[in-house]
Amino acid sequence: MEMAAANEIEAYTLPQGVLSQLCRDIAAGRPGLITHVGLGSFVDPRNEGGRQSALATEDLVEVIEIDGREYLFYRTFPVDVAVIRATTADENGNLTMEKEPFIGEVLAMAQAAHNSGGLVIAQVERLRLAGTSPCRDVKVPGILVDAIIVDPDQWQTYEVAYNPAYSGELKVPLAPLPAAKIDPRTLIARRAALELFPGCIVNLGFGVATGIADIVASEGVTAEVTLTVEQGVIGGVPAKGNDFGAGVNYEALIEQCAQFDFYDGGGLDLAFLSFAQVDGRGNVNVSRFRGRPNGFGGFIYIAQNAKCVFFLGTLTAGGLGVAVQDGRVTVIKEGAHRRFVADLAQRTYDRAGGQSRGQPVRYITERAVFEASDDGLVVVELAPGVDLERDVLANFDVRPRVSGSLESMTESIFRPGAIGLQNRFSTMPGRARHARLAGLSRQR
């Protein structure tokens, strides 16, 4: 990242789902991936084409039109080497993944390199005798593997050597979490969790959004919602921190590229994602700040395709001091960096595109909630104890409008203990999956 920022290398960042799905296109010998994902963002060639340094001059993305509709075309390229990871290899190179926390796209990667005339290197924990791999458990056949490296001490994730719940070997009791100190991140996650509803299918992005999983588990509503992450976990409780991408007690674990197919087609009801910067029109940046590019993962796929998106973050950053006491918020010290700015360092989410799709968007902070309207941001909720002018509006480069029906943020999120999701769910009908099923029944 430092070399890219210093313009010492050619650097591009593309959506994680594009990179995942491109592996299948490379393996199949197709010329590229056609998708609407990335239109209007910095990946769009009419903006920056995914470039992150001045040395990056090649056009990797182009705009095409099919039946009067615009798409982006991401070109395929040969893969010289694929480095993949599994748990066990037999002497013929067949790979199984019984201890892995997710599948990723190891098969597509191996096929892409093999069919490009490249090399496939697999790291595993252990070897077994030829002919003893359970055939239905083989994720990568040995015909694709050129070399095996055995590391008997390989860790399952960055944080743990092995957690049997991450591999699906065990389902574990979800004990109520101890009462957490209500810091700004916890407060944001608690407010965001109030947007959940029975039957919803959800993506939780990296960062503050992962705290929602803890709230869902501790309040006993895990079975009422389906939480997912782009690596392929469906259901259960996604992990957070450096274990992000794993999960416990999940219902299914699918390939990453298949998960992005589901997201791409509009399968998500709700998405909760972090933000680094937001401009006056509601566009969001998570891909470049302070002059340095940042990997943004599945952000563009998820933000562009979910039916409703919530962007989460503190109002300011860099030394922010906020106290929560007796159900009220006090800003002790304002952060050194504004996050609601006039101009983004880079556009990762295009609000105009979201408006054209009729996509509702909210921005949830520790002291106020905003909505994206046709003409910019609107303050719709204010935390108790917060001064609207001093603590909110004064921290915007482009001042938002204030709703004529400004509400107070729900009191329970500012006090220790449960925020009452079980009670909310018991009085709230399922509004997504159940409605779809009812509609299908009527059509039949």
Protein backbone atom coordinates (compact mmCIF):
# COMPACT_ATOMS: atom_id res chain seq x y z
CA MET A 1 0.00 0.00 0.00
CA GLU A 2 2.87 2.36 0.78
CA MET A 3 4.45 1.61 -2.62
CA ALA A 4 1.15 2.26 -4.38
CA ALA A 5 0.71 5.55 -2.53
CA ALA A 6 4.27 6.51 -3.48
CA ASN A 7 3.58 5.57 -7.14
CA GLU A 8 6.35 2.95 -7.13
CA ILE A 9 4.18 0.14 -8.55
CA GLU A 10 1.18 -0.36 -10.80
CA ALA A 11 -1.73 -0.83 -8.41
CA TYR A 12 -5.40 -1.57 -8.90
CA THR A 13 -8.09 -2.56 -6.43
CA LEU A 14 -11.16 -4.36 -7.76
CA PRO A 15 -14.25 -5.65 -5.95
CA GLN A 16 -13.64 -8.88 -4.06
CA GLY A 17 -16.58 -10.54 -5.80
CA VAL A 18 -15.17 -9.61 -9.21
CA LEU A 19 -11.84 -11.20 -8.35
CA SER A 20 -13.64 -14.28 -7.03
CA GLN A 21 -15.93 -14.70 -10.04
CA LEU A 22 -13.14 -13.87 -12.52
CA CYS A 23 -11.37 -17.05 -11.40
CA ARG A 24 -14.24 -19.06 -12.89
CA ASP A 25 -14.14 -17.06 -16.12
CA ILE A 26 -10.37 -17.54 -16.43
CA ALA A 27 -10.76 -21.26 -15.80
CA ALA A 28 -13.45 -21.49 -18.48
CA GLY A 29 -11.45 -19.50 -21.04
CA ARG A 30 -14.04 -16.71 -21.24
CA PRO A 31 -12.90 -13.21 -22.24
CA GLY A 32 -14.13 -11.57 -19.06
CA LEU A 33 -16.83 -10.96 -16.46
CA ILE A 34 -19.93 -8.91 -17.33
CA THR A 35 -21.65 -7.35 -14.33
CA HIS A 36 -23.34 -4.15 -13.18
CA VAL A 37 -21.19 -4.17 -10.04
CA GLY A 38 -18.94 -1.11 -9.85
CA LEU A 39 -20.97 1.24 -12.05
CA GLY A 40 -20.66 4.79 -10.74
CA SER A 41 -17.86 3.91 -8.30
CA PHE A 42 -14.14 4.58 -8.70
CA VAL A 43 -13.91 1.20 -10.45
CA ASP A 44 -15.99 2.58 -13.34
CA PRO A 45 -13.51 3.47 -16.13
CA ARG A 46 -15.26 6.83 -16.56
CA ASN A 47 -13.93 7.59 -13.07
CA GLU A 48 -10.68 5.83 -12.17
CA GLY A 49 -11.05 2.30 -13.52
CA GLY A 50 -9.89 0.80 -10.23
CA ARG A 51 -6.48 2.47 -10.48
CA GLN A 52 -4.62 3.27 -7.27
CA SER A 53 -1.36 4.69 -8.68
CA ALA A 54 -0.36 6.88 -11.62
CA LEU A 55 1.76 4.02 -12.98
CA ALA A 56 -1.41 1.98 -13.44
CA THR A 57 -2.32 2.91 -17.01
CA GLU A 58 -3.76 -0.31 -18.41
CA ASP A 59 -7.53 -0.44 -18.92
CA LEU A 60 -8.75 -3.45 -16.94
CA VAL A 61 -12.42 -2.44 -17.02
CA GLU A 62 -14.65 -1.10 -19.78
CA VAL A 63 -18.27 -0.01 -20.10
CA ILE A 64 -20.46 -2.03 -22.46
CA GLU A 65 -24.15 -1.93 -23.30
CA ILE A 66 -26.50 -4.90 -23.68
CA ASP A 67 -30.16 -4.38 -24.59
CA GLY A 68 -29.89 -0.71 -23.68
CA ARG A 69 -28.45 -1.33 -20.23
CA GLU A 70 -24.92 -0.47 -19.10
CA TYR A 71 -22.56 -3.07 -17.63
CA LEU A 72 -18.91 -3.24 -16.72
CA PHE A 73 -16.68 -5.73 -18.51
CA TYR A 74 -13.70 -6.96 -16.45
CA ARG A 75 -11.09 -8.62 -18.66
CA THR A 76 -9.67 -12.01 -17.77
CA PHE A 77 -5.93 -12.67 -17.69
CA PRO A 78 -3.73 -15.78 -17.42
CA VAL A 79 -2.85 -16.97 -13.91
CA ASP A 80 0.77 -18.06 -13.58
CA VAL A 81 0.63 -19.33 -9.99
CA ALA A 82 -2.21 -20.12 -7.60
CA VAL A 83 -1.37 -20.59 -3.92
CA ILE A 84 -4.25 -22.29 -2.13
CA ARG A 85 -4.88 -23.81 1.25
CA ALA A 86 -6.65 -26.94 2.52
CA THR A 87 -6.51 -29.23 5.56
CA THR A 88 -5.51 -32.60 4.11
CA ALA A 89 -3.94 -33.83 0.88
CA ASP A 90 -3.59 -37.44 -0.20
CA GLU A 91 -0.60 -38.71 -2.13
CA ASN A 92 -2.41 -37.99 -5.41
CA GLY A 93 -2.94 -34.34 -4.47
CA ASN A 94 -6.69 -34.53 -3.73
CA LEU A 95 -7.52 -31.84 -1.18
CA THR A 96 -10.12 -31.85 1.60
CA MET A 97 -11.00 -28.89 3.85
CA GLU A 98 -12.44 -30.40 7.01
CA LYS A 99 -10.78 -27.92 9.39
CA GLU A 100 -11.06 -24.80 7.23
CA PRO A 101 -13.25 -21.90 8.41
CA PHE A 102 -14.47 -21.20 4.86
CA ILE A 103 -14.07 -22.61 1.34
CA GLY A 104 -13.28 -19.44 -0.59
CA GLU A 105 -12.74 -20.13 -4.30
CA VAL A 106 -9.90 -22.65 -4.08
CA LEU A 107 -11.35 -24.82 -6.87
CA ALA A 108 -11.80 -21.92 -9.29
CA MET A 109 -8.31 -20.62 -8.49
CA ALA A 110 -6.74 -24.02 -9.12
CA GLN A 111 -8.67 -24.47 -12.37
CA ALA A 112 -7.74 -20.97 -13.52
CA ALA A 113 -4.01 -21.53 -12.97
CA HIS A 114 -4.03 -25.05 -14.40
CA ASN A 115 -5.93 -24.05 -17.53
CA SER A 116 -3.61 -21.06 -17.99
CA GLY A 117 -0.62 -23.39 -18.00
CA GLY A 118 0.38 -22.15 -14.56
CA LEU A 119 1.37 -23.75 -11.29
CA VAL A 120 -0.91 -24.75 -8.40
CA ILE A 121 0.71 -24.89 -4.94
CA ALA A 122 -1.34 -26.20 -2.03
CA GLN A 123 -0.51 -25.77 1.65
CA VAL A 124 -2.01 -28.40 3.96
CA GLU A 125 -1.72 -29.51 7.55
CA ARG A 126 -1.34 -33.23 6.85
CA LEU A 127 -1.02 -36.02 4.29
CA ARG A 128 -3.04 -39.22 3.87
CA LEU A 129 -2.50 -42.35 1.83
CA ALA A 130 -3.48 -42.33 -1.84
CA GLY A 131 -7.02 -43.57 -2.41
CA THR A 132 -8.19 -42.82 1.13
CA SER A 133 -9.68 -39.34 0.66
CA PRO A 134 -13.47 -39.39 1.08
CA CYS A 135 -14.39 -38.66 -2.52
CA ARG A 136 -17.40 -36.47 -1.73
CA ASP A 137 -15.27 -34.32 0.57
CA VAL A 138 -12.62 -33.51 -2.04
CA LYS A 139 -12.82 -29.78 -2.86
CA VAL A 140 -9.86 -29.69 -5.28
CA PRO A 141 -9.02 -32.82 -7.32
CA GLY A 142 -5.39 -33.88 -7.50
CA ILE A 143 -5.27 -33.47 -11.27
CA LEU A 144 -5.06 -29.71 -10.67
CA VAL A 145 -2.34 -29.71 -7.98
CA ASP A 146 1.35 -29.45 -8.87
CA ALA A 147 3.00 -29.11 -5.46
CA ILE A 148 2.08 -29.65 -1.83
CA ILE A 149 3.61 -27.95 1.20
CA VAL A 150 2.88 -29.61 4.54
CA ASP A 151 2.75 -27.31 7.57
CA PRO A 152 1.64 -29.37 10.58
CA ASP A 153 1.40 -26.17 12.64
CA GLN A 154 -0.79 -24.16 10.27
CA TRP A 155 -3.37 -22.08 12.13
CA GLN A 156 -7.01 -22.09 11.23
CA THR A 157 -7.29 -18.27 11.34
CA TYR A 158 -5.09 -15.34 12.28
CA GLU A 159 -6.29 -15.67 15.88
CA VAL A 160 -6.74 -19.38 16.68
CA ALA A 161 -4.90 -22.62 15.98
CA TYR A 162 -8.21 -24.47 15.74
CA ASN A 163 -11.78 -23.76 16.76
CA PRO A 164 -14.06 -26.74 16.01
CA ALA A 165 -17.05 -24.41 15.79
CA TYR A 166 -15.44 -22.55 12.87
CA SER A 167 -15.08 -25.77 10.89
CA GLY A 168 -18.62 -26.91 11.69
CA GLU A 169 -17.35 -29.89 13.70
CA LEU A 170 -19.29 -28.63 16.71
CA LYS A 171 -22.23 -26.36 17.36
CA VAL A 172 -21.60 -24.54 20.59
CA PRO A 173 -23.85 -22.96 23.24
CA LEU A 174 -24.18 -19.22 22.78
CA ALA A 175 -23.95 -17.96 26.33
CA PRO A 176 -25.22 -14.44 27.01
CA LEU A 177 -22.36 -11.98 26.77
CA PRO A 178 -21.39 -9.96 29.84
CA ALA A 179 -22.76 -6.44 29.87
CA ALA A 180 -20.49 -4.53 27.53
CA LYS A 181 -19.27 -1.07 28.21
CA ILE A 182 -21.31 1.17 25.94
CA ASP A 183 -18.56 2.81 23.93
CA PRO A 184 -19.26 4.53 20.58
CA ARG A 185 -18.78 1.35 18.48
CA THR A 186 -21.06 -0.67 20.76
CA LEU A 187 -23.62 2.10 20.69
CA ILE A 188 -23.62 2.19 16.89
CA ALA A 189 -24.02 -1.60 16.68
CA ARG A 190 -26.90 -1.51 19.19
CA ARG A 191 -28.73 1.16 17.18
CA ALA A 192 -28.09 -0.73 13.93
CA ALA A 193 -29.47 -3.97 15.39
CA LEU A 194 -32.86 -2.27 15.78
CA GLU A 195 -33.16 -2.32 11.97
CA LEU A 196 -33.35 -6.13 11.93
CA PHE A 197 -36.68 -7.86 11.45
CA PRO A 198 -37.88 -11.49 11.56
CA GLY A 199 -36.89 -13.47 8.48
CA CYS A 200 -34.36 -10.94 7.15
CA ILE A 201 -31.24 -12.03 5.27
CA VAL A 202 -28.30 -9.84 6.28
CA ASN A 203 -24.67 -9.15 5.44
CA LEU A 204 -22.41 -7.87 8.19
CA GLY A 205 -19.36 -6.04 6.91
CA PHE A 206 -15.95 -5.85 8.54
CA GLY A 207 -15.55 -3.45 11.45
CA VAL A 208 -18.24 -2.00 13.69
CA ALA A 209 -21.00 -4.04 11.99
CA THR A 210 -19.63 -7.31 13.38
CA GLY A 211 -20.81 -6.18 16.82
CA ILE A 212 -24.37 -6.78 15.61
CA ALA A 213 -23.69 -10.53 15.61
CA ASP A 214 -22.90 -10.43 19.34
CA ILE A 215 -26.12 -8.55 20.03
CA VAL A 216 -28.20 -11.02 18.01
CA ALA A 217 -26.62 -13.94 19.89
CA SER A 218 -26.87 -12.43 23.38
CA GLU A 219 -30.52 -11.45 22.90
CA GLY A 220 -31.52 -14.92 21.70
CA VAL A 221 -32.77 -14.06 18.21
CA THR A 222 -30.17 -15.94 16.14
CA ALA A 223 -32.85 -18.23 14.72
CA GLU A 224 -35.00 -15.27 13.68
CA VAL A 225 -32.50 -13.71 11.26
CA THR A 226 -29.97 -15.08 8.76
CA LEU A 227 -26.59 -13.40 9.09
CA THR A 228 -24.10 -13.92 6.28
CA VAL A 229 -20.59 -12.87 5.30
CA GLU A 230 -19.18 -12.85 1.80
CA GLN A 231 -16.69 -15.66 2.43
CA GLY A 232 -19.59 -18.12 2.33
CA VAL A 233 -21.04 -18.40 5.85
CA ILE A 234 -24.84 -18.53 5.93
CA GLY A 235 -26.64 -18.34 9.26
CA GLY A 236 -25.30 -18.64 12.78
CA VAL A 237 -23.04 -15.98 14.25
CA PRO A 238 -20.22 -14.51 12.12
CA ALA A 239 -16.85 -14.00 13.81
CA LYS A 240 -15.26 -10.58 14.19
CA GLY A 241 -11.82 -9.00 14.35
CA ASN A 242 -9.03 -10.97 12.69
CA ASP A 243 -11.33 -14.01 12.52
CA PHE A 244 -13.72 -12.15 10.22
CA GLY A 245 -14.97 -14.47 7.48
CA ALA A 246 -15.48 -17.38 9.86
CA GLY A 247 -18.60 -18.14 11.86
CA VAL A 248 -20.12 -20.49 14.42
CA ASN A 249 -23.34 -22.51 14.38
CA TYR A 250 -23.92 -21.68 10.72
CA GLU A 251 -26.53 -23.45 8.61
CA ALA A 252 -24.45 -23.73 5.44
CA LEU A 253 -20.97 -22.99 4.13
CA ILE A 254 -20.76 -22.34 0.39
CA GLU A 255 -18.08 -21.19 -2.03
CA GLN A 256 -17.31 -17.48 -1.95
CA CYS A 257 -18.06 -16.97 -5.64
CA ALA A 258 -21.49 -18.55 -5.12
CA GLN A 259 -22.14 -16.23 -2.19
CA PHE A 260 -21.37 -13.26 -4.45
CA ASP A 261 -23.75 -14.67 -7.09
CA PHE A 262 -26.45 -14.57 -4.42
CA TYR A 263 -25.57 -11.02 -3.39
CA ASP A 264 -25.25 -9.89 -7.01
CA GLY A 265 -28.79 -11.00 -7.79
CA GLY A 266 -30.33 -9.05 -4.90
CA GLY A 267 -30.58 -11.82 -2.29
CA LEU A 268 -29.74 -9.55 0.66
CA ASP A 269 -32.51 -7.73 2.49
CA LEU A 270 -30.18 -5.65 4.67
CA ALA A 271 -26.49 -4.79 4.65
CA PHE A 272 -24.51 -3.16 7.45
CA LEU A 273 -21.20 -1.67 6.29
CA SER A 274 -18.61 0.72 7.67
CA PHE A 275 -17.77 4.12 6.20
CA ALA A 276 -14.59 6.20 6.20
CA GLN A 277 -16.01 9.30 4.47
CA VAL A 278 -19.47 10.43 3.37
CA ASP A 279 -20.08 13.46 1.16
CA GLY A 280 -23.08 15.79 1.07
CA ARG A 281 -24.86 13.68 -1.55
CA GLY A 282 -24.50 10.44 0.43
CA ASN A 283 -21.65 8.89 -1.57
CA VAL A 284 -19.28 6.79 0.56
CA ASN A 285 -15.53 6.16 0.54
CA VAL A 286 -13.87 3.14 2.14
CA SER A 287 -11.18 2.50 -0.48
CA ARG A 288 -8.71 5.37 -0.12
CA PHE A 289 -7.91 7.77 2.68
CA ARG A 290 -4.96 9.86 3.77
CA GLY A 291 -3.43 9.23 0.36
CA ARG A 292 -3.28 5.46 0.72
CA PRO A 293 -5.41 2.80 -0.99
CA ASN A 294 -7.27 0.34 1.17
CA GLY A 295 -8.66 -3.07 0.30
CA PHE A 296 -12.44 -2.75 0.41
CA GLY A 297 -13.40 -6.42 0.10
CA GLY A 298 -16.99 -7.13 -0.86
CA PHE A 299 -18.18 -3.59 -0.08
CA ILE A 300 -19.18 -2.60 -3.63
CA TYR A 301 -21.08 -5.84 -4.32
CA ILE A 302 -22.93 -5.65 -1.03
CA ALA A 303 -23.66 -1.91 -0.96
CA GLN A 304 -24.80 -1.85 -4.57
CA ASN A 305 -27.08 -4.89 -4.43
CA ALA A 306 -28.70 -5.10 -0.97
CA LYS A 307 -32.32 -3.97 -0.82
CA CYS A 308 -31.48 -1.61 2.06
CA VAL A 309 -28.06 -0.40 3.26
CA PHE A 310 -26.88 0.99 6.58
CA PHE A 311 -23.48 2.67 6.76
CA LEU A 312 -21.98 2.67 10.26
CA GLY A 313 -19.28 4.81 11.83
CA THR A 314 -18.48 7.52 14.36
CA LEU A 315 -19.31 11.08 13.34
CA THR A 316 -15.66 12.14 13.62
CA ALA A 317 -12.45 10.12 14.03
CA GLY A 318 -9.00 10.47 15.54
CA GLY A 319 -9.02 10.93 19.30
CA LEU A 320 -12.81 11.07 19.66
CA GLY A 321 -14.00 11.00 23.27
CA VAL A 322 -17.64 10.11 23.97
CA ALA A 323 -19.24 9.18 27.30
CA VAL A 324 -22.56 7.39 27.77
CA GLN A 325 -24.11 7.78 31.20
CA ASP A 326 -27.64 7.68 32.56
CA GLY A 327 -29.01 7.19 29.06
CA ARG A 328 -27.37 10.32 27.66
CA VAL A 329 -24.42 10.97 25.32
CA THR A 330 -21.76 13.53 26.07
CA VAL A 331 -19.08 14.46 23.54
CA ILE A 332 -15.99 15.05 25.67
CA LYS A 333 -13.51 15.55 22.85
CA GLU A 334 -14.25 15.86 19.15
CA GLY A 335 -12.24 13.73 16.74
CA ALA A 336 -9.50 15.41 14.74
CA HIS A 337 -10.82 14.17 11.39
CA ARG A 338 -14.19 14.95 9.85
CA ARG A 339 -15.88 12.01 8.17
CA PHE A 340 -18.76 13.95 6.59
CA VAL A 341 -16.85 15.92 3.97
CA ALA A 342 -17.39 18.03 0.86
CA ASP A 343 -15.23 15.85 -1.39
CA LEU A 344 -14.36 12.17 -1.09
CA ALA A 345 -10.84 10.87 -1.61
CA GLN A 346 -12.53 8.15 -3.69
CA ARG A 347 -16.11 7.05 -4.39
CA THR A 348 -16.73 3.45 -3.35
CA TYR A 349 -20.53 3.72 -3.09
CA ASP A 350 -22.44 5.74 -5.68
CA ARG A 351 -25.58 7.20 -4.14
CA ALA A 352 -27.02 8.29 -7.50
CA GLY A 353 -27.03 4.66 -8.57
CA GLY A 354 -28.74 3.70 -5.32
CA GLN A 355 -31.40 6.35 -5.90
CA SER A 356 -32.07 5.00 -9.39
CA ARG A 357 -32.68 1.58 -7.83
CA GLY A 358 -34.94 3.02 -5.13
CA GLN A 359 -32.51 1.79 -2.46
CA PRO A 360 -33.14 3.15 1.06
CA VAL A 361 -29.92 4.20 2.85
CA ARG A 362 -29.21 5.26 6.41
CA TYR A 363 -26.00 6.45 8.08
CA ILE A 364 -25.83 5.48 11.75
CA THR A 365 -23.43 7.22 14.14
CA GLU A 366 -23.07 7.29 17.91
CA ARG A 367 -24.99 10.58 18.21
CA ALA A 368 -27.33 10.87 15.21
CA VAL A 369 -28.91 8.95 12.35
CA PHE A 370 -29.14 10.33 8.80
CA GLU A 371 -31.06 9.31 5.70
CA ALA A 372 -30.11 9.87 2.08
CA SER A 373 -32.79 11.88 0.29
CA ASP A 374 -32.95 13.03 -3.31
CA ASP A 375 -31.15 16.27 -2.42
CA GLY A 376 -28.65 15.08 0.19
CA LEU A 377 -28.50 13.97 3.81
CA VAL A 378 -31.22 14.52 6.38
CA VAL A 379 -30.89 14.24 10.17
CA VAL A 380 -33.73 11.97 11.29
CA GLU A 381 -32.68 10.91 14.81
CA LEU A 382 -30.68 12.56 17.59
CA ALA A 383 -29.18 10.96 20.69
CA PRO A 384 -30.35 12.22 24.09
CA GLY A 385 -27.90 14.72 25.55
CA VAL A 386 -26.52 15.75 22.16
CA ASP A 387 -26.69 19.35 20.97
CA LEU A 388 -27.87 19.36 17.35
CA GLU A 389 -25.86 22.41 16.25
CA ARG A 390 -22.65 22.00 18.26
CA ASP A 391 -22.29 18.21 18.26
CA VAL A 392 -23.74 17.35 14.85
CA LEU A 393 -24.25 20.06 12.24
CA ALA A 394 -20.99 21.89 13.04
CA ASN A 395 -19.04 18.75 12.10
CA PHE A 396 -20.24 18.66 8.49
CA ASP A 397 -18.52 20.27 5.51
CA VAL A 398 -21.91 20.23 3.78
CA ARG A 399 -24.63 20.79 6.34
CA PRO A 400 -27.48 18.26 6.18
CA ARG A 401 -31.13 19.19 6.39
CA VAL A 402 -32.94 18.48 9.63
CA SER A 403 -36.13 16.45 9.43
CA GLY A 404 -39.28 18.27 10.43
CA SER A 405 -40.14 15.20 12.51
CA LEU A 406 -36.72 14.71 14.18
CA GLU A 407 -36.89 11.79 16.61
CA SER A 408 -34.86 10.77 19.64
CA MET A 409 -32.75 7.64 19.22
CA THR A 410 -34.25 4.67 21.11
CA GLU A 411 -33.48 5.00 24.81
CA SER A 412 -32.66 1.33 25.48
CA ILE A 413 -29.49 1.42 23.39
CA PHE A 414 -27.92 3.96 25.78
CA ARG A 415 -28.48 1.88 28.91
CA PRO A 416 -26.77 -1.37 30.02
CA GLY A 417 -28.60 -4.61 29.39
CA ALA A 418 -30.67 -5.95 26.53
CA ILE A 419 -32.09 -3.63 23.91
CA GLY A 420 -35.25 -5.74 23.64
CA LEU A 421 -34.91 -7.48 20.27
CA GLN A 422 -37.00 -10.46 21.40
CA ASN A 423 -39.91 -8.23 22.35
CA ARG A 424 -39.60 -6.23 19.14
CA PHE A 425 -39.58 -9.38 17.03
CA SER A 426 -42.59 -10.86 18.82
CA THR A 427 -44.73 -7.89 17.77
CA MET A 428 -43.24 -7.45 14.31
CA PRO A 429 -44.33 -9.56 11.32
CA GLY A 430 -41.63 -10.92 9.03
CA ARG A 431 -41.42 -8.42 6.16
CA ALA A 432 -39.09 -10.04 3.66
CA ARG A 433 -38.81 -13.79 3.21
CA HIS A 434 -42.34 -14.49 4.40
CA ALA A 435 -43.77 -11.86 2.04
CA ARG A 436 -41.84 -13.35 -0.89
CA LEU A 437 -43.16 -16.82 -0.10
CA ALA A 438 -46.70 -15.47 0.14
CA GLY A 439 -46.29 -13.77 -3.22
CA LEU A 440 -45.05 -16.99 -4.81
CA SER A 441 -48.01 -18.86 -3.37
CA ARG A 442 -50.43 -16.35 -4.87
CA GLN A 443 -48.75 -16.68 -8.27
CA ARG A 444 -49.16 -20.45 -8.12
